[in-house]
Amino acid sequence: MTEKLLWMHGAPYALGNADEDCPAITPYLVEGDNRPAVIVCPGGGYGTRAYHEGEPIAQWLNGLGISAFVLRYRVAPYQYPCALLDVQRAIRTVRFKAEQFRINSDQIGVLGFSAGGHLVSNAGTSYDKGNKEAEDVIEQVSCRPDLLVLCYPVITLQGPFAHEGSRDNLLGKGAELAQAEQLSSELNVTEDTPPTFIWHTSDDAAVPVENSLLFAAALSKHKVLFDLHVYAKGRHGLGLADDEEHTRSWTDACASWLAFQDFK
């Protein structure tokens, strides 16, 4: 697959021009026109991006008839707002180039694992309709996703349920409490937050399940439709969970939910 840079002349705040300085999407396209699409954000604590939460997920989505784009977003030493700018740019780019990619510009979701789930939840609670005055035509396009899929996500950056590694990589050690609160996604949900699918395991020892519960409660409060699936056991970072007889059913549940959202 051939990756496509999100900014041809350098990303905002870029520190160089190596691959890790240059956000990109790798398309995994299915046959047909007007297909739904999902942008995939692998996890890795904002310090790396896990391969098994990237390409294999795109290929699974392809099997559902959904085109996918794996996002190479910036991680440490890059800090906020770089990763958020990257996923917003990815949504704008895919939407702007919908005809080229043969996708439906009104069916663009984002899916993320762990810290990638935090990035996705931020994308779903912090977006705009585009800057119509921008010289860059891609920046004129909305970056609101049409749905969210959160897989054992980091959600809160404060209190006992925060994943400290993700927070430190995103904000720097000793980050101000106000900034951690600002980027705790459960506090930013509104009635306009996109419909969301969430799954987690109850004994996740790295990212407590309360992260997903907090986000689900916020969605419920604002009457946003969501699916929440909590499995009894399973280590953090399962990805497709192929080797977990019970937990691997998350893919069936998610496929059903995506079809319910007309992503099929």
C-alpha atoms as a PDB file:
ATOM      1  CA  MET A   1       0.000   0.000   0.000  1.00  0.00           C
ATOM      2  CA  THR A   2       1.252   3.484  -0.855  1.00  0.00           C
ATOM      3  CA  GLU A   3       1.038   6.023   1.936  1.00  0.00           C
ATOM      4  CA  LYS A   4      -0.151   9.542   1.253  1.00  0.00           C
ATOM      5  CA  LEU A   5       1.257  12.519   3.140  1.00  0.00           C
ATOM      6  CA  LEU A   6      -1.339  14.717   4.813  1.00  0.00           C
ATOM      7  CA  TRP A   7       0.659  17.913   4.270  1.00  0.00           C
ATOM      8  CA  MET A   8       2.784  18.188   1.147  1.00  0.00           C
ATOM      9  CA  HIS A   9       4.876  21.067   2.441  1.00  0.00           C
ATOM     10  CA  GLY A  10       5.355  20.043   6.063  1.00  0.00           C
ATOM     11  CA  ALA A  11       2.963  19.514   8.955  1.00  0.00           C
ATOM     12  CA  PRO A  12       2.358  22.185  11.595  1.00  0.00           C
ATOM     13  CA  TYR A  13       5.037  22.056  14.320  1.00  0.00           C
ATOM     14  CA  ALA A  14       7.121  19.544  12.325  1.00  0.00           C
ATOM     15  CA  LEU A  15      10.667  19.146  13.678  1.00  0.00           C
ATOM     16  CA  GLY A  16      12.117  17.657  10.501  1.00  0.00           C
ATOM     17  CA  ASN A  17      11.203  15.718   7.384  1.00  0.00           C
ATOM     18  CA  ALA A  18      11.720  12.098   8.435  1.00  0.00           C
ATOM     19  CA  ASP A  19       8.781   9.712   8.363  1.00  0.00           C
ATOM     20  CA  GLU A  20       7.942  10.380  12.023  1.00  0.00           C
ATOM     21  CA  ASP A  21       7.723  14.101  11.267  1.00  0.00           C
ATOM     22  CA  CYS A  22       5.352  13.588   8.346  1.00  0.00           C
ATOM     23  CA  PRO A  23       1.816  12.408   9.162  1.00  0.00           C
ATOM     24  CA  ALA A  24       0.357  10.144   6.493  1.00  0.00           C
ATOM     25  CA  ILE A  25      -2.514   7.808   5.682  1.00  0.00           C
ATOM     26  CA  THR A  26      -2.188   4.414   4.038  1.00  0.00           C
ATOM     27  CA  PRO A  27      -5.345   3.583   2.041  1.00  0.00           C
ATOM     28  CA  TYR A  28      -6.901   0.123   1.990  1.00  0.00           C
ATOM     29  CA  LEU A  29      -9.677   0.543  -0.544  1.00  0.00           C
ATOM     30  CA  VAL A  30     -12.472  -1.862  -1.480  1.00  0.00           C
ATOM     31  CA  GLU A  31     -14.106  -2.225  -4.855  1.00  0.00           C
ATOM     32  CA  GLY A  32     -17.142  -0.193  -5.734  1.00  0.00           C
ATOM     33  CA  ASP A  33     -18.281   3.404  -5.525  1.00  0.00           C
ATOM     34  CA  ASN A  34     -19.679   5.458  -2.656  1.00  0.00           C
ATOM     35  CA  ARG A  35     -18.214   3.122  -0.044  1.00  0.00           C
ATOM     36  CA  PRO A  36     -18.112   3.936   3.698  1.00  0.00           C
ATOM     37  CA  ALA A  37     -14.649   4.573   5.142  1.00  0.00           C
ATOM     38  CA  VAL A  38     -12.945   4.307   8.525  1.00  0.00           C
ATOM     39  CA  ILE A  39      -9.672   5.942   9.575  1.00  0.00           C
ATOM     40  CA  VAL A  40      -7.709   3.644  11.914  1.00  0.00           C
ATOM     41  CA  CYS A  41      -5.580   5.038  14.766  1.00  0.00           C
ATOM     42  CA  PRO A  42      -3.336   2.370  16.342  1.00  0.00           C
ATOM     43  CA  GLY A  43      -2.503   2.594  20.024  1.00  0.00           C
ATOM     44  CA  GLY A  44       0.874   2.876  21.706  1.00  0.00           C
ATOM     45  CA  GLY A  45       0.639   5.313  24.594  1.00  0.00           C
ATOM     46  CA  TYR A  46       1.358   8.310  22.333  1.00  0.00           C
ATOM     47  CA  GLY A  47       4.907   6.959  22.191  1.00  0.00           C
ATOM     48  CA  THR A  48       4.593   4.513  19.304  1.00  0.00           C
ATOM     49  CA  ARG A  49       1.941   2.960  17.048  1.00  0.00           C
ATOM     50  CA  ALA A  50       1.220  -0.766  17.281  1.00  0.00           C
ATOM     51  CA  TYR A  51       1.284  -2.572  13.931  1.00  0.00           C
ATOM     52  CA  HIS A  52      -1.309  -5.172  14.991  1.00  0.00           C
ATOM     53  CA  GLU A  53      -3.785  -2.337  15.598  1.00  0.00           C
ATOM     54  CA  GLY A  54      -3.227  -0.904  12.111  1.00  0.00           C
ATOM     55  CA  GLU A  55      -3.056  -2.973   8.944  1.00  0.00           C
ATOM     56  CA  PRO A  56      -4.877  -6.071  10.315  1.00  0.00           C
ATOM     57  CA  ILE A  57      -7.757  -3.826  11.382  1.00  0.00           C
ATOM     58  CA  ALA A  58      -7.883  -2.206   7.942  1.00  0.00           C
ATOM     59  CA  GLN A  59      -8.018  -5.639   6.328  1.00  0.00           C
ATOM     60  CA  TRP A  60     -10.842  -6.700   8.678  1.00  0.00           C
ATOM     61  CA  LEU A  61     -12.784  -3.576   7.719  1.00  0.00           C
ATOM     62  CA  ASN A  62     -12.192  -4.347   4.042  1.00  0.00           C
ATOM     63  CA  GLY A  63     -13.810  -7.725   4.648  1.00  0.00           C
ATOM     64  CA  LEU A  64     -16.930  -5.846   5.765  1.00  0.00           C
ATOM     65  CA  GLY A  65     -16.980  -3.829   2.543  1.00  0.00           C
ATOM     66  CA  ILE A  66     -15.535  -0.733   4.242  1.00  0.00           C
ATOM     67  CA  SER A  67     -12.534   1.174   2.881  1.00  0.00           C
ATOM     68  CA  ALA A  68      -9.915   1.951   5.521  1.00  0.00           C
ATOM     69  CA  PHE A  69      -7.048   4.354   6.046  1.00  0.00           C
ATOM     70  CA  VAL A  70      -4.345   3.664   8.634  1.00  0.00           C
ATOM     71  CA  LEU A  71      -3.110   6.921  10.132  1.00  0.00           C
ATOM     72  CA  ARG A  72       0.525   7.583  10.946  1.00  0.00           C
ATOM     73  CA  TYR A  73       0.020  10.294  13.522  1.00  0.00           C
ATOM     74  CA  ARG A  74       2.818  11.972  15.415  1.00  0.00           C
ATOM     75  CA  VAL A  75       3.890  10.570  18.780  1.00  0.00           C
ATOM     76  CA  ALA A  76       6.491  11.563  21.401  1.00  0.00           C
ATOM     77  CA  PRO A  77       8.580  13.657  21.355  1.00  0.00           C
ATOM     78  CA  TYR A  78       5.652  15.382  19.652  1.00  0.00           C
ATOM     79  CA  GLN A  79       3.016  16.568  22.094  1.00  0.00           C
ATOM     80  CA  TYR A  80      -0.470  18.069  21.966  1.00  0.00           C
ATOM     81  CA  PRO A  81      -1.886  19.363  19.647  1.00  0.00           C
ATOM     82  CA  CYS A  82       0.084  17.527  16.948  1.00  0.00           C
ATOM     83  CA  ALA A  83      -1.715  14.162  16.989  1.00  0.00           C
ATOM     84  CA  LEU A  84      -5.120  15.856  17.092  1.00  0.00           C
ATOM     85  CA  LEU A  85      -4.185  18.057  14.137  1.00  0.00           C
ATOM     86  CA  ASP A  86      -3.083  14.907  12.295  1.00  0.00           C
ATOM     87  CA  VAL A  87      -6.353  13.016  12.747  1.00  0.00           C
ATOM     88  CA  GLN A  88      -8.380  16.117  11.914  1.00  0.00           C
ATOM     89  CA  ARG A  89      -6.323  16.566   8.757  1.00  0.00           C
ATOM     90  CA  ALA A  90      -6.838  12.902   7.885  1.00  0.00           C
ATOM     91  CA  ILE A  91     -10.624  13.287   8.150  1.00  0.00           C
ATOM     92  CA  ARG A  92     -10.559  16.459   6.051  1.00  0.00           C
ATOM     93  CA  THR A  93      -8.306  14.826   3.441  1.00  0.00           C
ATOM     94  CA  VAL A  94     -10.386  11.672   3.079  1.00  0.00           C
ATOM     95  CA  ARG A  95     -13.558  13.752   2.831  1.00  0.00           C
ATOM     96  CA  PHE A  96     -12.019  16.182   0.318  1.00  0.00           C
ATOM     97  CA  LYS A  97     -10.760  13.310  -1.841  1.00  0.00           C
ATOM     98  CA  ALA A  98     -13.904  11.197  -1.473  1.00  0.00           C
ATOM     99  CA  GLU A  99     -14.482  10.961  -5.216  1.00  0.00           C
ATOM    100  CA  GLN A 100     -10.865   9.934  -5.842  1.00  0.00           C
ATOM    101  CA  PHE A 101     -11.072   7.257  -3.117  1.00  0.00           C
ATOM    102  CA  ARG A 102     -14.587   6.250  -4.299  1.00  0.00           C
ATOM    103  CA  ILE A 103     -16.058   6.727  -0.844  1.00  0.00           C
ATOM    104  CA  ASN A 104     -19.087   8.483   0.610  1.00  0.00           C
ATOM    105  CA  SER A 105     -18.042  11.820   2.104  1.00  0.00           C
ATOM    106  CA  ASP A 106     -20.893  11.525   4.627  1.00  0.00           C
ATOM    107  CA  GLN A 107     -19.727   8.128   5.883  1.00  0.00           C
ATOM    108  CA  ILE A 108     -16.289   8.662   7.395  1.00  0.00           C
ATOM    109  CA  GLY A 109     -15.658   7.091  10.789  1.00  0.00           C
ATOM    110  CA  VAL A 110     -12.600   6.891  13.016  1.00  0.00           C
ATOM    111  CA  LEU A 111     -11.489   3.872  15.038  1.00  0.00           C
ATOM    112  CA  GLY A 112      -8.782   3.797  17.685  1.00  0.00           C
ATOM    113  CA  PHE A 113      -7.146   1.533  20.228  1.00  0.00           C
ATOM    114  CA  SER A 114      -5.894   2.583  23.673  1.00  0.00           C
ATOM    115  CA  ALA A 115      -4.162   5.970  23.243  1.00  0.00           C
ATOM    116  CA  GLY A 116      -5.420   5.890  19.667  1.00  0.00           C
ATOM    117  CA  GLY A 117      -8.854   5.626  21.262  1.00  0.00           C
ATOM    118  CA  HIS A 118      -8.136   8.816  23.187  1.00  0.00           C
ATOM    119  CA  LEU A 119      -7.170  10.462  19.919  1.00  0.00           C
ATOM    120  CA  VAL A 120     -10.401   9.254  18.308  1.00  0.00           C
ATOM    121  CA  SER A 121     -12.530  10.402  21.250  1.00  0.00           C
ATOM    122  CA  ASN A 122     -10.866  13.806  20.966  1.00  0.00           C
ATOM    123  CA  ALA A 123     -11.610  13.871  17.245  1.00  0.00           C
ATOM    124  CA  GLY A 124     -15.249  13.162  18.083  1.00  0.00           C
ATOM    125  CA  THR A 125     -15.493  15.905  20.702  1.00  0.00           C
ATOM    126  CA  SER A 126     -13.209  18.567  19.186  1.00  0.00           C
ATOM    127  CA  TYR A 127     -13.901  19.363  15.548  1.00  0.00           C
ATOM    128  CA  ASP A 128     -14.969  22.160  13.241  1.00  0.00           C
ATOM    129  CA  LYS A 129     -16.826  22.606   9.968  1.00  0.00           C
ATOM    130  CA  GLY A 130     -13.714  23.845   8.189  1.00  0.00           C
ATOM    131  CA  ASN A 131     -12.277  27.291   7.655  1.00  0.00           C
ATOM    132  CA  LYS A 132     -13.945  28.636   4.522  1.00  0.00           C
ATOM    133  CA  GLU A 133     -11.361  31.432   4.342  1.00  0.00           C
ATOM    134  CA  ALA A 134      -8.351  29.087   4.331  1.00  0.00           C
ATOM    135  CA  GLU A 135      -6.042  29.154   1.297  1.00  0.00           C
ATOM    136  CA  ASP A 136      -5.531  25.391   1.690  1.00  0.00           C
ATOM    137  CA  VAL A 137      -8.715  23.910   0.221  1.00  0.00           C
ATOM    138  CA  ILE A 138      -8.459  20.817   2.438  1.00  0.00           C
ATOM    139  CA  GLU A 139      -8.662  23.043   5.513  1.00  0.00           C
ATOM    140  CA  GLN A 140     -12.016  24.330   4.247  1.00  0.00           C
ATOM    141  CA  VAL A 141     -13.550  20.873   4.796  1.00  0.00           C
ATOM    142  CA  SER A 142     -15.261  19.650   7.987  1.00  0.00           C
ATOM    143  CA  CYS A 143     -13.260  17.369  10.286  1.00  0.00           C
ATOM    144  CA  ARG A 144     -16.303  16.002  12.138  1.00  0.00           C
ATOM    145  CA  PRO A 145     -16.322  12.201  11.992  1.00  0.00           C
ATOM    146  CA  ASP A 146     -19.615  10.440  11.311  1.00  0.00           C
ATOM    147  CA  LEU A 147     -19.040   7.718  13.902  1.00  0.00           C
ATOM    148  CA  LEU A 148     -16.477   6.581  16.498  1.00  0.00           C
ATOM    149  CA  VAL A 149     -15.160   3.132  17.416  1.00  0.00           C
ATOM    150  CA  LEU A 150     -13.236   3.055  20.705  1.00  0.00           C
ATOM    151  CA  CYS A 151     -11.274  -0.092  21.596  1.00  0.00           C
ATOM    152  CA  TYR A 152     -10.065  -0.240  25.247  1.00  0.00           C
ATOM    153  CA  PRO A 153      -9.587   3.519  24.982  1.00  0.00           C
ATOM    154  CA  VAL A 154      -7.742   5.985  27.131  1.00  0.00           C
ATOM    155  CA  ILE A 155     -10.401   8.618  27.871  1.00  0.00           C
ATOM    156  CA  THR A 156      -9.618  10.559  31.021  1.00  0.00           C
ATOM    157  CA  LEU A 157      -6.274  12.213  31.728  1.00  0.00           C
ATOM    158  CA  GLN A 158      -7.007  13.019  35.347  1.00  0.00           C
ATOM    159  CA  GLY A 159      -7.736  11.164  38.552  1.00  0.00           C
ATOM    160  CA  PRO A 160      -7.113   7.534  39.479  1.00  0.00           C
ATOM    161  CA  PHE A 161      -8.208   6.103  36.110  1.00  0.00           C
ATOM    162  CA  ALA A 162      -5.804   8.106  33.954  1.00  0.00           C
ATOM    163  CA  HIS A 163      -3.152   6.255  31.961  1.00  0.00           C
ATOM    164  CA  GLU A 164      -0.088   8.167  33.095  1.00  0.00           C
ATOM    165  CA  GLY A 165       2.168   7.077  30.237  1.00  0.00           C
ATOM    166  CA  SER A 166      -0.217   8.379  27.600  1.00  0.00           C
ATOM    167  CA  ARG A 167      -0.742  11.603  29.515  1.00  0.00           C
ATOM    168  CA  ASP A 168       2.992  12.183  29.989  1.00  0.00           C
ATOM    169  CA  ASN A 169       3.763  11.540  26.326  1.00  0.00           C
ATOM    170  CA  LEU A 170       0.907  13.746  25.151  1.00  0.00           C
ATOM    171  CA  LEU A 171       1.316  16.658  27.565  1.00  0.00           C
ATOM    172  CA  GLY A 172       4.753  16.197  29.118  1.00  0.00           C
ATOM    173  CA  LYS A 173       5.517  15.147  32.664  1.00  0.00           C
ATOM    174  CA  GLY A 174       4.146  17.533  35.244  1.00  0.00           C
ATOM    175  CA  ALA A 175       1.415  18.800  32.910  1.00  0.00           C
ATOM    176  CA  GLU A 176      -0.953  21.336  34.382  1.00  0.00           C
ATOM    177  CA  LEU A 177      -4.177  19.942  35.772  1.00  0.00           C
ATOM    178  CA  ALA A 178      -6.193  22.344  33.653  1.00  0.00           C
ATOM    179  CA  GLN A 179      -4.700  20.949  30.458  1.00  0.00           C
ATOM    180  CA  ALA A 180      -5.319  17.354  31.572  1.00  0.00           C
ATOM    181  CA  GLU A 181      -8.919  18.288  32.315  1.00  0.00           C
ATOM    182  CA  GLN A 182      -9.289  20.020  28.941  1.00  0.00           C
ATOM    183  CA  LEU A 183      -8.267  16.832  27.126  1.00  0.00           C
ATOM    184  CA  SER A 184     -10.294  14.398  29.242  1.00  0.00           C
ATOM    185  CA  SER A 185     -12.767  13.393  26.565  1.00  0.00           C
ATOM    186  CA  GLU A 186     -15.623  12.465  28.891  1.00  0.00           C
ATOM    187  CA  LEU A 187     -15.918  16.141  29.821  1.00  0.00           C
ATOM    188  CA  ASN A 188     -16.274  17.289  26.221  1.00  0.00           C
ATOM    189  CA  VAL A 189     -19.187  15.170  24.990  1.00  0.00           C
ATOM    190  CA  THR A 190     -22.182  17.089  23.599  1.00  0.00           C
ATOM    191  CA  GLU A 191     -25.417  16.125  21.911  1.00  0.00           C
ATOM    192  CA  ASP A 192     -23.550  16.506  18.588  1.00  0.00           C
ATOM    193  CA  THR A 193     -20.895  13.896  19.437  1.00  0.00           C
ATOM    194  CA  PRO A 194     -21.077  11.123  16.793  1.00  0.00           C
ATOM    195  CA  PRO A 195     -22.635   7.730  17.605  1.00  0.00           C
ATOM    196  CA  THR A 196     -20.047   5.506  19.252  1.00  0.00           C
ATOM    197  CA  PHE A 197     -19.121   1.840  19.638  1.00  0.00           C
ATOM    198  CA  ILE A 198     -17.008   1.031  22.713  1.00  0.00           C
ATOM    199  CA  TRP A 199     -15.430  -2.176  23.968  1.00  0.00           C
ATOM    200  CA  HIS A 200     -13.145  -2.925  26.892  1.00  0.00           C
ATOM    201  CA  THR A 201     -12.279  -5.770  29.288  1.00  0.00           C
ATOM    202  CA  SER A 202     -13.214  -5.511  32.941  1.00  0.00           C
ATOM    203  CA  ASP A 203      -9.787  -6.624  34.169  1.00  0.00           C
ATOM    204  CA  ASP A 204      -7.653  -4.408  31.874  1.00  0.00           C
ATOM    205  CA  ALA A 205      -4.584  -3.799  34.016  1.00  0.00           C
ATOM    206  CA  ALA A 206      -3.147  -0.981  31.891  1.00  0.00           C
ATOM    207  CA  VAL A 207      -6.133   1.232  31.026  1.00  0.00           C
ATOM    208  CA  PRO A 208      -8.919   0.779  33.587  1.00  0.00           C
ATOM    209  CA  VAL A 209     -12.359  -0.040  32.223  1.00  0.00           C
ATOM    210  CA  GLU A 210     -13.657   3.081  33.988  1.00  0.00           C
ATOM    211  CA  ASN A 211     -12.309   5.035  31.004  1.00  0.00           C
ATOM    212  CA  SER A 212     -14.927   3.463  28.746  1.00  0.00           C
ATOM    213  CA  LEU A 213     -17.601   3.705  31.433  1.00  0.00           C
ATOM    214  CA  LEU A 214     -16.973   7.423  31.873  1.00  0.00           C
ATOM    215  CA  PHE A 215     -17.335   8.070  28.155  1.00  0.00           C
ATOM    216  CA  ALA A 216     -20.452   5.921  27.889  1.00  0.00           C
ATOM    217  CA  ALA A 217     -22.023   7.781  30.819  1.00  0.00           C
ATOM    218  CA  ALA A 218     -21.301  11.105  29.137  1.00  0.00           C
ATOM    219  CA  LEU A 219     -22.844   9.866  25.874  1.00  0.00           C
ATOM    220  CA  SER A 220     -25.913   8.696  27.776  1.00  0.00           C
ATOM    221  CA  LYS A 221     -26.233  12.042  29.552  1.00  0.00           C
ATOM    222  CA  HIS A 222     -26.272  13.843  26.203  1.00  0.00           C
ATOM    223  CA  LYS A 223     -28.536  11.259  24.549  1.00  0.00           C
ATOM    224  CA  VAL A 224     -25.960  10.140  21.980  1.00  0.00           C
ATOM    225  CA  LEU A 225     -26.574   6.597  20.745  1.00  0.00           C
ATOM    226  CA  PHE A 226     -23.842   4.127  21.657  1.00  0.00           C
ATOM    227  CA  ASP A 227     -22.974   0.456  21.999  1.00  0.00           C
ATOM    228  CA  LEU A 228     -20.931  -0.542  25.063  1.00  0.00           C
ATOM    229  CA  HIS A 229     -19.410  -4.027  25.371  1.00  0.00           C
ATOM    230  CA  VAL A 230     -17.415  -4.979  28.469  1.00  0.00           C
ATOM    231  CA  TYR A 231     -15.860  -8.439  28.430  1.00  0.00           C
ATOM    232  CA  ALA A 232     -14.977 -10.257  31.627  1.00  0.00           C
ATOM    233  CA  LYS A 233     -11.310 -10.937  30.944  1.00  0.00           C
ATOM    234  CA  GLY A 234      -8.582  -9.987  28.534  1.00  0.00           C
ATOM    235  CA  ARG A 235      -5.206  -8.304  28.614  1.00  0.00           C
ATOM    236  CA  HIS A 236      -4.706  -4.801  27.300  1.00  0.00           C
ATOM    237  CA  GLY A 237      -3.755  -4.462  23.647  1.00  0.00           C
ATOM    238  CA  LEU A 238      -5.682  -7.417  22.223  1.00  0.00           C
ATOM    239  CA  GLY A 239      -6.310  -5.917  18.787  1.00  0.00           C
ATOM    240  CA  LEU A 240      -8.539  -8.332  16.867  1.00  0.00           C
ATOM    241  CA  ALA A 241      -8.285 -10.719  19.864  1.00  0.00           C
ATOM    242  CA  ASP A 242      -8.033 -13.732  17.538  1.00  0.00           C
ATOM    243  CA  ASP A 243      -6.596 -15.901  20.311  1.00  0.00           C
ATOM    244  CA  GLU A 244      -9.323 -15.027  22.848  1.00  0.00           C
ATOM    245  CA  GLU A 245     -12.374 -17.231  22.318  1.00  0.00           C
ATOM    246  CA  HIS A 246     -14.758 -14.946  24.200  1.00  0.00           C
ATOM    247  CA  THR A 247     -13.332 -11.465  23.650  1.00  0.00           C
ATOM    248  CA  ARG A 248     -12.784 -11.890  19.923  1.00  0.00           C
ATOM    249  CA  SER A 249     -16.543 -11.607  19.467  1.00  0.00           C
ATOM    250  CA  TRP A 250     -16.079  -7.834  19.680  1.00  0.00           C
ATOM    251  CA  THR A 251     -15.485  -7.844  15.915  1.00  0.00           C
ATOM    252  CA  ASP A 252     -18.872  -9.475  15.276  1.00  0.00           C
ATOM    253  CA  ALA A 253     -20.594  -6.991  17.580  1.00  0.00           C
ATOM    254  CA  CYS A 254     -18.829  -4.085  15.905  1.00  0.00           C
ATOM    255  CA  ALA A 255     -19.625  -5.375  12.422  1.00  0.00           C
ATOM    256  CA  SER A 256     -23.308  -5.570  13.377  1.00  0.00           C
ATOM    257  CA  TRP A 257     -23.211  -2.033  14.782  1.00  0.00           C
ATOM    258  CA  LEU A 258     -21.451  -0.667  11.693  1.00  0.00           C
ATOM    259  CA  ALA A 259     -24.133  -2.254   9.512  1.00  0.00           C
ATOM    260  CA  PHE A 260     -26.764  -0.672  11.768  1.00  0.00           C
ATOM    261  CA  GLN A 261     -25.081   2.667  10.988  1.00  0.00           C
ATOM    262  CA  ASP A 262     -25.313   1.802   7.249  1.00  0.00           C
ATOM    263  CA  PHE A 263     -21.536   1.334   7.073  1.00  0.00           C
ATOM    264  CA  LYS A 264     -21.762  -1.733   4.836  1.00  0.00           C
END
